[in-house]
């Protein structure tokens, strides 16, 4: 069945524009009737903190802040806390 784009609710019309008909239909089937909110950050804070410890080479704080979208202060703090453990 072809979706009538001109009749879609605004939120579904936006999803249709971003994802296409097939994925919009899948999202509708899974989440219809529910309110879904997305966190401001893409990556999980605790998981990023652990990953930063594995990627930190002593000189790449700026790179890590850009990569994971956290502040330099926070990245430095996670490195310090990781060293204590």
Protein backbone atom coordinates (compact mmCIF):
# COMPACT_ATOMS: atom_id res chain seq x y z
CA UNK A 1 0.00 0.00 0.00
CA UNK A 2 1.36 3.41 -0.93
CA UNK A 3 1.35 6.03 1.80
CA UNK A 4 -0.64 9.22 1.16
CA UNK A 5 2.05 11.74 2.12
CA UNK A 6 -0.32 14.68 1.80
CA UNK A 7 -2.50 13.21 4.58
CA UNK A 8 0.25 12.37 7.10
CA UNK A 9 0.47 13.90 10.56
CA UNK A 10 3.31 16.47 10.69
CA UNK A 11 5.61 14.22 12.70
CA UNK A 12 5.12 11.32 10.29
CA UNK A 13 5.58 13.63 7.30
CA UNK A 14 8.95 14.70 8.74
CA UNK A 15 9.95 11.07 9.24
CA UNK A 16 8.84 10.29 5.71
CA UNK A 17 11.04 13.10 4.36
CA UNK A 18 14.02 11.88 6.39
CA UNK A 19 13.65 8.11 6.14
CA UNK A 20 11.34 7.26 3.28
CA UNK A 21 8.11 5.31 3.22
CA UNK A 22 9.34 1.89 4.32
CA UNK A 23 11.13 3.04 7.49
CA UNK A 24 8.32 5.47 8.37
CA UNK A 25 5.86 2.57 8.19
CA UNK A 26 8.10 0.42 10.40
CA UNK A 27 8.46 3.18 13.00
CA UNK A 28 4.71 3.72 12.93
CA UNK A 29 4.02 0.03 13.52
CA UNK A 30 6.47 -0.21 16.42
CA UNK A 31 5.89 3.12 18.19
CA UNK A 32 2.36 4.26 17.31
CA UNK A 33 0.48 5.63 20.28
CA UNK A 34 3.67 6.13 22.30
CA UNK A 35 5.52 9.29 23.12
CA UNK A 36 9.17 8.96 22.26
CA UNK A 37 11.84 11.39 23.35
CA UNK A 38 15.43 11.34 22.19
CA UNK A 39 18.31 12.32 24.48
CA UNK A 40 20.23 15.46 23.57
CA UNK A 41 23.40 13.43 23.28
CA UNK A 42 23.80 10.60 20.81
CA UNK A 43 26.25 8.61 22.93
CA UNK A 44 25.76 7.17 26.43
CA UNK A 45 27.80 9.06 29.01
CA UNK A 46 29.06 6.02 30.94
CA UNK A 47 30.03 4.13 27.81
CA UNK A 48 31.82 7.16 26.39
CA UNK A 49 33.77 7.62 29.62
CA UNK A 50 35.11 4.05 29.31
CA UNK A 51 35.86 4.46 25.62
CA UNK A 52 37.75 7.69 26.22
CA UNK A 53 40.08 5.83 28.57
CA UNK A 54 40.91 3.32 25.85
CA UNK A 55 41.42 5.97 23.15
CA UNK A 56 43.28 8.59 25.16
CA UNK A 57 46.94 8.73 24.11
CA UNK A 58 48.06 11.64 26.26
CA UNK A 59 47.63 14.25 23.53
CA UNK A 60 44.21 13.85 21.93
CA UNK A 61 41.71 15.49 24.31
CA UNK A 62 40.52 17.96 21.66
CA UNK A 63 39.94 15.13 19.19
CA UNK A 64 37.95 13.14 21.75
CA UNK A 65 35.77 16.13 22.64
CA UNK A 66 34.85 16.61 18.98
CA UNK A 67 34.34 12.92 18.34
CA UNK A 68 31.97 12.31 21.25
CA UNK A 69 30.51 15.84 21.67
CA UNK A 70 31.50 16.31 25.31
CA UNK A 71 33.39 19.24 26.80
CA UNK A 72 37.16 19.19 27.33
CA UNK A 73 36.56 19.67 31.03
CA UNK A 74 34.37 16.57 31.19
CA UNK A 75 36.82 14.50 29.12
CA UNK A 76 39.72 15.52 31.39
CA UNK A 77 37.63 14.67 34.44
CA UNK A 78 36.84 11.19 33.07
CA UNK A 79 40.52 10.60 32.35
CA UNK A 80 41.47 11.64 35.90
CA UNK A 81 38.78 9.44 37.42
CA UNK A 82 39.85 6.54 35.24
CA UNK A 83 43.43 6.87 36.42
CA UNK A 84 42.31 6.69 40.05
CA UNK A 85 40.55 3.36 39.49
